[in-house]
Amino acid sequence: MELTTTNHALKEWAVTVDALEAGRTILLLRKGGIREEGNHFKVAHNEVLLYPTFEHQQPDLLKPEYADLVTPVPSGWHPETIRIGAWAKITDIFMVSFEPSIKALLPFHIWNEQFVSDRLKWKPRQPIYILLLRTYKLSQPQEIPYRAEYGGCKSWIDLQEEISVANTTPVLTDTEYNSRTSVIRSLIASPQPLTY
């Protein structure tokens, strides 16, 4: 059945949400927030609203063209309202521990080598989750009030209100999305050395 409304949301840095909405990336690297259920990351829902967060964005972990888009905010800061402008279908989930496979994906996301290295070192026995997202722009972006229960270092939240995902527009065409996913899948399976 086609999804028409949802309140399930995936929290991600605002700069990343903007990149997903603009079609500049389809890829997320996750090991989960500090307060994840069971103390490790898992995918709670495959169809989610994209919820932008601001507090923990770190420009020094982003490629230069994205680092300049981040304005650091004090710990605990959040906007009074949150703009929800898109939702996504998580089409692929890979659990990867092989460092060359993860490093081969550098051209396909917005983070820099330091971010990748930090993710690999943190909880080194746990794999990195690579999520591929087919992003859709909402027909009408929604401004929702911030609520205390939306805060904290967790990846998945349920909003108090359902948001319509009917009549949305995919950010990338089927051809563009399929082309990118096929390249990423092949790099994960058979990583090639990076050339600069």
Protein backbone atom coordinates (compact mmCIF):
# COMPACT_ATOMS: atom_id res chain seq x y z
CA MET A 1 0.00 0.00 0.00
CA GLU A 2 1.25 3.47 -0.89
CA LEU A 3 2.28 5.61 2.08
CA THR A 4 0.14 8.78 2.35
CA THR A 5 1.03 10.09 5.83
CA THR A 6 3.63 9.30 8.46
CA ASN A 7 4.98 10.55 11.76
CA HIS A 8 8.16 8.44 11.71
CA ALA A 9 11.28 10.59 11.35
CA LEU A 10 15.01 10.10 10.97
CA LYS A 11 17.14 12.75 12.67
CA GLU A 12 20.15 13.91 10.69
CA TRP A 13 22.37 17.00 10.55
CA ALA A 14 20.54 19.87 8.82
CA VAL A 15 23.37 20.23 6.28
CA THR A 16 22.90 16.54 5.37
CA VAL A 17 19.12 16.89 5.06
CA ASP A 18 19.69 19.86 2.73
CA ALA A 19 22.12 17.78 0.62
CA LEU A 20 19.59 14.91 0.40
CA GLU A 21 16.82 17.36 -0.58
CA ALA A 22 19.04 18.88 -3.28
CA GLY A 23 20.06 15.48 -4.69
CA ARG A 24 23.75 16.05 -3.87
CA THR A 25 23.88 12.78 -1.91
CA ILE A 26 21.80 9.64 -1.41
CA LEU A 27 24.09 8.11 1.20
CA LEU A 28 24.22 8.20 5.00
CA LEU A 29 26.88 6.62 7.23
CA ARG A 30 25.61 5.72 10.70
CA LYS A 31 26.71 4.02 13.87
CA GLY A 32 23.87 5.49 15.87
CA GLY A 33 23.38 8.08 18.56
CA ILE A 34 24.63 7.69 22.11
CA ARG A 35 21.12 6.90 23.38
CA GLU A 36 20.12 4.35 20.76
CA GLU A 37 17.93 1.49 21.97
CA GLY A 38 20.16 -1.49 22.80
CA ASN A 39 23.17 0.87 22.53
CA HIS A 40 23.61 0.25 18.79
CA PHE A 41 22.13 1.50 15.55
CA LYS A 42 19.28 -0.27 13.75
CA VAL A 43 16.85 0.86 11.08
CA ALA A 44 13.48 1.43 12.74
CA HIS A 45 11.48 2.37 9.61
CA ASN A 46 12.17 2.24 5.87
CA GLU A 47 9.97 5.27 5.02
CA VAL A 48 10.77 8.33 7.09
CA LEU A 49 10.47 12.07 7.28
CA LEU A 50 13.84 13.85 7.30
CA TYR A 51 14.20 15.77 10.58
CA PRO A 52 17.07 18.32 10.55
CA THR A 53 19.21 18.75 13.66
CA PHE A 54 21.61 21.59 14.40
CA GLU A 55 23.29 21.05 17.76
CA HIS A 56 25.98 18.49 16.86
CA GLN A 57 26.90 19.60 13.34
CA GLN A 58 30.69 19.79 13.10
CA PRO A 59 32.09 21.74 10.14
CA ASP A 60 35.53 20.14 10.60
CA LEU A 61 34.02 16.72 9.73
CA LEU A 62 32.50 17.92 6.45
CA LYS A 63 33.99 18.47 3.01
CA PRO A 64 34.85 22.20 2.58
CA GLU A 65 31.87 22.98 0.31
CA TYR A 66 29.51 21.76 3.07
CA ALA A 67 31.47 22.98 6.10
CA ASP A 68 30.83 26.58 5.03
CA LEU A 69 27.06 25.97 5.21
CA VAL A 70 27.08 25.17 8.94
CA THR A 71 26.63 27.78 11.65
CA PRO A 72 27.69 26.23 14.98
CA VAL A 73 25.12 26.57 17.77
CA PRO A 74 25.55 26.24 21.55
CA SER A 75 24.95 22.91 23.25
CA GLY A 76 21.24 22.39 23.91
CA TRP A 77 20.13 24.95 21.27
CA HIS A 78 17.26 24.09 18.98
CA PRO A 79 14.90 26.16 16.83
CA GLU A 80 11.37 26.80 18.10
CA THR A 81 9.99 25.20 14.95
CA ILE A 82 11.43 22.51 12.69
CA ARG A 83 11.03 22.60 8.92
CA ILE A 84 10.15 19.21 7.44
CA GLY A 85 10.62 19.52 3.69
CA ALA A 86 11.20 15.95 2.56
CA TRP A 87 10.79 12.28 3.29
CA ALA A 88 12.79 9.29 2.09
CA LYS A 89 12.54 5.60 1.34
CA ILE A 90 15.58 3.73 2.64
CA THR A 91 16.13 1.47 -0.36
CA ASP A 92 19.38 -0.22 0.68
CA ILE A 93 21.00 -1.02 4.03
CA PHE A 94 24.57 -2.32 4.18
CA MET A 95 26.51 -3.22 7.31
CA VAL A 96 30.16 -2.74 6.41
CA SER A 97 33.30 -3.27 8.49
CA PHE A 98 35.80 -3.46 5.61
CA GLU A 99 37.62 -0.12 5.72
CA PRO A 100 38.52 0.06 1.98
CA SER A 101 34.82 -0.35 1.07
CA ILE A 102 33.83 2.53 3.35
CA LYS A 103 36.67 4.78 2.16
CA ALA A 104 35.77 4.06 -1.48
CA LEU A 105 32.44 5.80 -0.86
CA LEU A 106 34.06 9.17 -0.05
CA PRO A 107 32.96 10.81 -3.35
CA PHE A 108 29.31 9.89 -2.65
CA HIS A 109 28.64 11.65 0.65
CA ILE A 110 29.26 15.03 2.28
CA TRP A 111 31.68 14.04 5.06
CA ASN A 112 35.46 14.17 4.93
CA GLU A 113 38.10 11.51 5.62
CA GLN A 114 38.34 12.55 9.29
CA PHE A 115 34.63 11.78 9.80
CA VAL A 116 35.04 8.35 8.18
CA SER A 117 38.12 7.62 10.28
CA ASP A 118 36.34 8.70 13.49
CA ARG A 119 33.32 6.51 12.67
CA LEU A 120 35.55 3.50 12.06
CA LYS A 121 37.40 3.99 15.38
CA TRP A 122 34.27 4.57 17.51
CA LYS A 123 32.92 1.21 18.71
CA PRO A 124 35.33 -0.55 16.32
CA ARG A 125 33.65 -3.95 16.66
CA GLN A 126 30.39 -2.54 15.30
CA PRO A 127 29.95 -2.16 11.53
CA ILE A 128 29.09 1.12 9.88
CA TYR A 129 25.58 1.18 8.47
CA ILE A 130 25.43 2.58 4.96
CA LEU A 131 21.92 3.72 4.07
CA LEU A 132 20.84 4.70 0.56
CA LEU A 133 17.87 7.07 0.54
CA ARG A 134 15.46 7.88 -2.26
CA THR A 135 14.39 11.37 -1.22
CA TYR A 136 11.07 13.04 -2.09
CA LYS A 137 10.22 16.71 -1.62
CA LEU A 138 6.94 17.35 0.17
CA SER A 139 4.36 19.20 -1.90
CA GLN A 140 4.15 21.69 0.97
CA PRO A 141 7.00 21.90 3.54
CA GLN A 142 5.69 21.75 7.12
CA GLU A 143 6.78 23.79 10.13
CA ILE A 144 6.24 21.80 13.30
CA PRO A 145 6.84 22.93 16.90
CA TYR A 146 9.96 21.60 18.58
CA ARG A 147 9.16 19.29 21.51
CA ALA A 148 11.54 18.19 24.26
CA GLU A 149 10.98 14.52 23.40
CA TYR A 150 12.45 15.14 19.94
CA GLY A 151 15.81 16.07 21.50
CA GLY A 152 18.69 13.84 22.55
CA CYS A 153 21.17 11.64 20.72
CA LYS A 154 18.80 9.23 19.04
CA SER A 155 18.27 8.57 15.36
CA TRP A 156 14.55 7.80 15.24
CA ILE A 157 11.62 9.76 16.62
CA ASP A 158 7.87 9.74 16.18
CA LEU A 159 6.40 13.20 15.66
CA GLN A 160 3.20 14.11 17.48
CA GLU A 161 1.53 14.94 14.18
CA GLU A 162 1.18 12.94 10.98
CA ILE A 163 2.59 14.66 7.90
CA SER A 164 1.26 14.08 4.39
CA VAL A 165 3.68 12.45 1.97
CA ALA A 166 1.10 12.30 -0.84
CA ASN A 167 1.83 14.01 -4.17
CA THR A 168 5.53 14.32 -3.46
CA THR A 169 8.26 14.67 -6.08
CA PRO A 170 11.37 12.48 -6.20
CA VAL A 171 14.54 14.57 -6.02
CA LEU A 172 16.26 12.33 -8.58
CA THR A 173 14.76 10.57 -11.58
CA ASP A 174 14.53 6.77 -11.52
CA THR A 175 17.49 6.61 -13.93
CA GLU A 176 19.68 8.95 -11.84
CA TYR A 177 18.88 7.14 -8.59
CA ASN A 178 19.38 3.65 -10.05
CA SER A 179 22.67 4.71 -11.62
CA ARG A 180 24.04 6.02 -8.31
CA THR A 181 22.86 3.02 -6.29
CA SER A 182 24.41 0.59 -8.74
CA VAL A 183 27.82 2.34 -8.54
CA ILE A 184 27.69 2.42 -4.74
CA ARG A 185 26.66 -1.24 -4.49
CA SER A 186 29.55 -2.27 -6.72
CA LEU A 187 32.05 -0.20 -4.68
CA ILE A 188 30.88 -1.83 -1.46
CA ALA A 189 31.22 -5.29 -3.02
CA SER A 190 34.52 -4.60 -4.86
CA PRO A 191 36.16 -1.36 -3.66
CA GLN A 192 38.56 0.34 -6.03
CA PRO A 193 41.46 2.48 -4.79
CA LEU A 194 40.72 6.19 -4.59
CA THR A 195 42.51 8.39 -7.10
CA TYR A 196 43.04 12.07 -6.48
